[in-house]
Amino acid sequence: LAAAAALSLDLDGIIRLASSAERLTYEEPFIPGPGESFRLGVALDRAFCFYYEDSLDVLRRLGAEIVYFSPLEDSALPDGIHGLYLGGGYPELYKETLAGNASMRSSVREAVRAGLPTVAECGGFMYLCEDIAGSPMCGVLPGKCFDSGRLTRFGYVELTAKKDNMLCRAGESIRGHEFHRWDAGETGDCFRAEKADGRAWDCVFAGDTIYAGFPHFHFLSNISFAEGFCAACVKEKHRNG
């Protein structure tokens, strides 16, 4: 690729053009804190590997101690966590391994059902569903996941809550995106997603201790959502002494 670029692109011209652009200005977002510390379990391995690092930084600034774990290789959730973040990735490529790790699936299922504050985006949402193409997953949420054969509801969206939940109040919004070929029989109806062209649909399971759906969101677009998640984790910390 480097050789092709050197042959086909006017690299010096691109540098001159870039150098002629006006400097960009922006306002540094205000992030309150640090708040009370808590331990946040974050899934990170080959199956769960998509996160906005900016969003993780916001959670750290608000008090989160990130504790990484692997749903593929570990036998259970980390000890002493007060919240759970299941990011996106490719669980469909590792569905047999995830299904075979019954102890981890049981650990996640019991924790989420017991009220551990949880954010599950896209692949993480699929992991909480009943199964992926016949391979059993955690079964916390209804619905079976399947390959739709094409990108589904692809693109940037504005997510607006239809009901009060762990992250926000009804009517509050945050920006995010969907990028997935796989779909689920049930995708929730607690948020309304709207694209810039006006297309819109209902999505996401949400309640007092959970956000789970296909859309990924970016905490810097509405830091109060991160504050809501962190507040739920701190509450869980005190609930468990």
Protein backbone atom coordinates (compact mmCIF):
# COMPACT_ATOMS: atom_id res chain seq x y z
CA LEU A 1 0.00 0.00 0.00
CA ALA A 2 2.85 2.41 0.80
CA ALA A 3 4.51 1.69 -2.54
CA ALA A 4 1.23 2.19 -4.40
CA ALA A 5 0.66 5.50 -2.61
CA ALA A 6 4.17 6.70 -3.45
CA LEU A 7 3.57 5.93 -7.13
CA SER A 8 0.05 7.25 -7.50
CA LEU A 9 -0.38 10.12 -5.03
CA ASP A 10 1.21 13.58 -5.04
CA LEU A 11 2.27 13.32 -1.40
CA ASP A 12 4.08 16.69 -1.38
CA GLY A 13 0.99 18.33 -2.88
CA ILE A 14 -1.24 16.76 -0.24
CA ILE A 15 1.06 18.07 2.52
CA ARG A 16 1.05 21.57 0.99
CA LEU A 17 -2.75 21.52 0.73
CA ALA A 18 -3.15 20.31 4.32
CA SER A 19 -0.74 22.98 5.55
CA SER A 20 -2.89 25.68 3.96
CA ALA A 21 -5.98 24.79 5.99
CA GLU A 22 -7.08 27.02 8.84
CA ARG A 23 -6.47 25.73 12.34
CA LEU A 24 -9.44 24.00 13.91
CA THR A 25 -10.79 25.28 17.19
CA TYR A 26 -12.93 23.39 19.67
CA GLU A 27 -14.04 23.54 23.26
CA GLU A 28 -12.67 20.92 25.61
CA PRO A 29 -15.72 19.12 27.04
CA PHE A 30 -16.27 19.53 30.75
CA ILE A 31 -16.04 16.23 32.60
CA PRO A 32 -16.93 16.46 36.29
CA GLY A 33 -15.05 14.46 38.85
CA PRO A 34 -13.28 12.49 39.79
CA GLY A 35 -16.22 10.83 41.45
CA GLU A 36 -16.25 7.98 43.91
CA SER A 37 -14.16 5.06 42.69
CA PHE A 38 -15.69 1.76 41.60
CA ARG A 39 -14.60 -1.35 39.69
CA LEU A 40 -15.95 -1.74 36.16
CA GLY A 41 -15.60 -5.09 34.38
CA VAL A 42 -14.91 -4.56 30.67
CA ALA A 43 -14.94 -7.49 28.23
CA LEU A 44 -11.86 -7.44 26.02
CA ASP A 45 -10.68 -10.26 23.76
CA ARG A 46 -11.00 -11.37 20.13
CA ALA A 47 -14.79 -11.54 20.38
CA PHE A 48 -15.28 -8.20 22.17
CA CYS A 49 -12.83 -5.59 20.97
CA PHE A 50 -14.70 -2.47 19.81
CA TYR A 51 -14.79 0.46 22.22
CA TYR A 52 -14.46 4.20 21.85
CA GLU A 53 -11.37 4.79 23.94
CA ASP A 54 -12.66 8.31 24.57
CA SER A 55 -15.72 6.79 26.25
CA LEU A 56 -13.55 4.60 28.48
CA ASP A 57 -11.49 7.69 29.38
CA VAL A 58 -14.68 9.50 30.43
CA LEU A 59 -15.61 6.59 32.69
CA ARG A 60 -12.10 6.62 34.19
CA ARG A 61 -12.37 10.36 34.84
CA LEU A 62 -15.67 9.75 36.63
CA GLY A 63 -14.15 7.15 38.94
CA ALA A 64 -14.08 3.85 37.08
CA GLU A 65 -11.23 1.43 37.67
CA ILE A 66 -11.28 -0.64 34.46
CA VAL A 67 -10.93 -4.38 35.09
CA TYR A 68 -10.54 -6.26 31.81
CA PHE A 69 -11.67 -9.85 31.41
CA SER A 70 -12.24 -12.35 28.59
CA PRO A 71 -15.63 -14.02 28.01
CA LEU A 72 -13.74 -16.45 25.75
CA GLU A 73 -11.06 -17.59 28.20
CA ASP A 74 -12.02 -16.66 31.78
CA SER A 75 -14.34 -18.88 33.79
CA ALA A 76 -16.27 -16.10 35.55
CA LEU A 77 -16.61 -12.35 35.91
CA PRO A 78 -13.85 -10.63 37.92
CA ASP A 79 -14.40 -10.53 41.67
CA GLY A 80 -15.68 -7.36 43.26
CA ILE A 81 -16.90 -5.49 40.20
CA HIS A 82 -19.72 -2.97 40.52
CA GLY A 83 -20.61 -2.64 36.84
CA LEU A 84 -20.26 -4.46 33.52
CA TYR A 85 -19.46 -3.13 30.03
CA LEU A 86 -19.85 -5.58 27.13
CA GLY A 87 -18.63 -3.80 24.00
CA GLY A 88 -18.93 -4.62 20.34
CA GLY A 89 -16.87 -7.04 18.30
CA TYR A 90 -17.36 -10.37 16.60
CA PRO A 91 -19.10 -12.87 18.89
CA GLU A 92 -20.56 -14.58 15.83
CA LEU A 93 -17.05 -15.67 14.79
CA TYR A 94 -16.44 -17.27 18.20
CA LYS A 95 -19.96 -18.43 19.03
CA GLU A 96 -18.94 -22.06 19.64
CA THR A 97 -16.19 -21.05 22.08
CA LEU A 98 -18.51 -18.60 23.85
CA ALA A 99 -21.23 -21.24 24.05
CA GLY A 100 -18.73 -23.78 25.39
CA ASN A 101 -17.71 -21.47 28.22
CA ALA A 102 -20.84 -22.27 30.21
CA SER A 103 -19.42 -21.06 33.53
CA MET A 104 -18.81 -17.55 32.16
CA ARG A 105 -22.25 -17.42 30.57
CA SER A 106 -23.77 -18.46 33.89
CA SER A 107 -21.70 -15.86 35.76
CA VAL A 108 -22.85 -13.07 33.43
CA ARG A 109 -26.47 -14.24 33.47
CA GLU A 110 -26.65 -14.38 37.27
CA ALA A 111 -24.93 -11.00 37.71
CA VAL A 112 -27.10 -9.14 35.20
CA ARG A 113 -30.30 -10.70 36.53
CA ALA A 114 -29.24 -9.75 40.07
CA GLY A 115 -29.04 -6.09 39.00
CA LEU A 116 -25.35 -5.51 38.19
CA PRO A 117 -25.37 -2.23 36.19
CA THR A 118 -24.67 -3.26 32.60
CA VAL A 119 -24.04 -1.61 29.25
CA ALA A 120 -24.04 -4.03 26.30
CA GLU A 121 -23.50 -2.68 22.79
CA CYS A 122 -23.90 -4.61 19.52
CA GLY A 123 -21.78 -7.75 20.01
CA GLY A 124 -22.22 -7.42 23.77
CA PHE A 125 -25.97 -7.21 23.25
CA MET A 126 -25.87 -10.36 21.09
CA TYR A 127 -23.99 -12.15 23.88
CA LEU A 128 -26.85 -11.41 26.29
CA CYS A 129 -29.48 -12.83 23.89
CA GLU A 130 -30.73 -16.43 23.79
CA ASP A 131 -28.40 -17.67 21.08
CA ILE A 132 -26.28 -16.78 18.05
CA ALA A 133 -27.16 -19.00 15.07
CA GLY A 134 -28.12 -21.84 17.39
CA SER A 135 -25.18 -21.52 19.79
CA PRO A 136 -26.52 -20.72 23.29
CA MET A 137 -25.51 -17.41 24.83
CA CYS A 138 -26.35 -15.87 28.21
CA GLY A 139 -30.11 -15.82 27.75
CA VAL A 140 -30.62 -12.65 29.77
CA LEU A 141 -32.60 -11.08 26.92
CA PRO A 142 -35.18 -12.62 24.59
CA GLY A 143 -34.37 -13.11 20.94
CA LYS A 144 -32.15 -15.19 18.70
CA CYS A 145 -29.40 -13.67 16.56
CA PHE A 146 -28.99 -14.46 12.86
CA ASP A 147 -26.97 -13.35 9.83
CA SER A 148 -29.09 -10.88 7.85
CA GLY A 149 -26.75 -11.15 4.86
CA ARG A 150 -26.12 -7.40 4.63
CA LEU A 151 -25.37 -4.34 6.71
CA THR A 152 -28.47 -3.64 8.80
CA ARG A 153 -29.61 -0.16 9.95
CA PHE A 154 -26.08 1.02 9.13
CA GLY A 155 -24.84 4.50 10.01
CA TYR A 156 -24.73 7.33 12.52
CA VAL A 157 -27.81 7.87 14.67
CA GLU A 158 -29.24 10.11 17.35
CA LEU A 159 -30.60 7.95 20.18
CA THR A 160 -33.46 9.40 22.24
CA ALA A 161 -34.79 7.66 25.33
CA LYS A 162 -38.50 6.83 25.35
CA LYS A 163 -38.50 6.04 29.09
CA ASP A 164 -36.43 6.77 32.15
CA ASN A 165 -33.56 4.32 32.54
CA MET A 166 -30.15 3.78 34.14
CA LEU A 167 -28.40 6.21 31.78
CA CYS A 168 -30.86 9.05 31.35
CA ARG A 169 -34.39 10.41 31.56
CA ALA A 170 -37.03 10.09 28.86
CA GLY A 171 -36.41 12.60 26.06
CA GLU A 172 -32.64 12.84 26.53
CA SER A 173 -30.40 12.01 23.57
CA ILE A 174 -26.92 10.79 22.72
CA ARG A 175 -25.11 10.20 19.43
CA GLY A 176 -23.93 6.81 18.26
CA HIS A 177 -23.81 4.41 15.35
CA GLU A 178 -24.85 0.97 14.16
CA PHE A 179 -22.53 -1.24 12.13
CA HIS A 180 -23.56 -4.90 11.91
CA ARG A 181 -24.65 -7.63 9.51
CA TRP A 182 -26.17 -9.77 12.24
CA ASP A 183 -29.60 -9.01 13.62
CA ALA A 184 -31.86 -10.28 16.40
CA GLY A 185 -35.47 -11.36 16.53
CA GLU A 186 -36.09 -8.83 19.30
CA THR A 187 -34.05 -5.63 19.55
CA GLY A 188 -35.95 -3.66 22.20
CA ASP A 189 -38.06 -0.50 22.05
CA CYS A 190 -36.84 1.77 24.86
CA PHE A 191 -34.98 4.23 22.60
CA ARG A 192 -35.74 5.84 19.25
CA ALA A 193 -32.85 5.92 16.76
CA GLU A 194 -32.96 8.52 14.00
CA LYS A 195 -30.62 9.05 11.05
CA ALA A 196 -29.88 12.41 9.45
CA ASP A 197 -32.07 11.48 6.46
CA GLY A 198 -35.11 11.07 8.72
CA ARG A 199 -35.25 7.27 8.85
CA ALA A 200 -36.01 6.10 12.37
CA TRP A 201 -36.70 2.94 14.35
CA ASP A 202 -37.19 1.76 17.92
CA CYS A 203 -34.39 -0.17 19.60
CA VAL A 204 -32.61 -1.07 22.86
CA PHE A 205 -33.62 -2.84 26.05
CA ALA A 206 -33.20 -0.43 28.97
CA GLY A 207 -34.15 -0.32 32.64
CA ASP A 208 -32.89 0.74 36.04
CA THR A 209 -29.72 -1.37 35.73
CA ILE A 210 -29.26 -2.10 32.01
CA TYR A 211 -28.71 -0.66 28.54
CA ALA A 212 -28.53 -3.35 25.84
CA GLY A 213 -28.91 -2.85 22.09
CA PHE A 214 -27.20 -2.73 18.73
CA PRO A 215 -26.27 1.00 18.77
CA HIS A 216 -22.85 2.00 20.06
CA PHE A 217 -22.90 5.44 21.65
CA HIS A 218 -20.19 7.99 22.37
CA PHE A 219 -20.16 9.29 25.94
CA LEU A 220 -18.52 12.59 24.97
CA SER A 221 -21.65 13.54 23.03
CA ASN A 222 -23.63 13.52 26.30
CA ILE A 223 -21.54 13.02 29.42
CA SER A 224 -24.64 12.81 31.61
CA PHE A 225 -25.20 9.29 30.20
CA ALA A 226 -21.77 8.29 31.54
CA GLU A 227 -22.63 9.95 34.86
CA GLY A 228 -25.82 7.88 35.02
CA PHE A 229 -23.91 4.65 34.43
CA CYS A 230 -21.26 5.53 37.01
CA ALA A 231 -23.89 6.55 39.58
CA ALA A 232 -25.58 3.16 39.15
CA CYS A 233 -22.21 1.42 39.66
CA VAL A 234 -21.48 3.41 42.83
CA LYS A 235 -24.97 2.57 44.12
CA GLU A 236 -24.21 -1.11 43.45
CA LYS A 237 -20.93 -0.74 45.33
CA HIS A 238 -22.74 0.50 48.44
CA ARG A 239 -25.53 -2.06 48.07
CA ASN A 240 -22.89 -4.76 48.41
CA GLY A 241 -21.19 -3.07 51.34
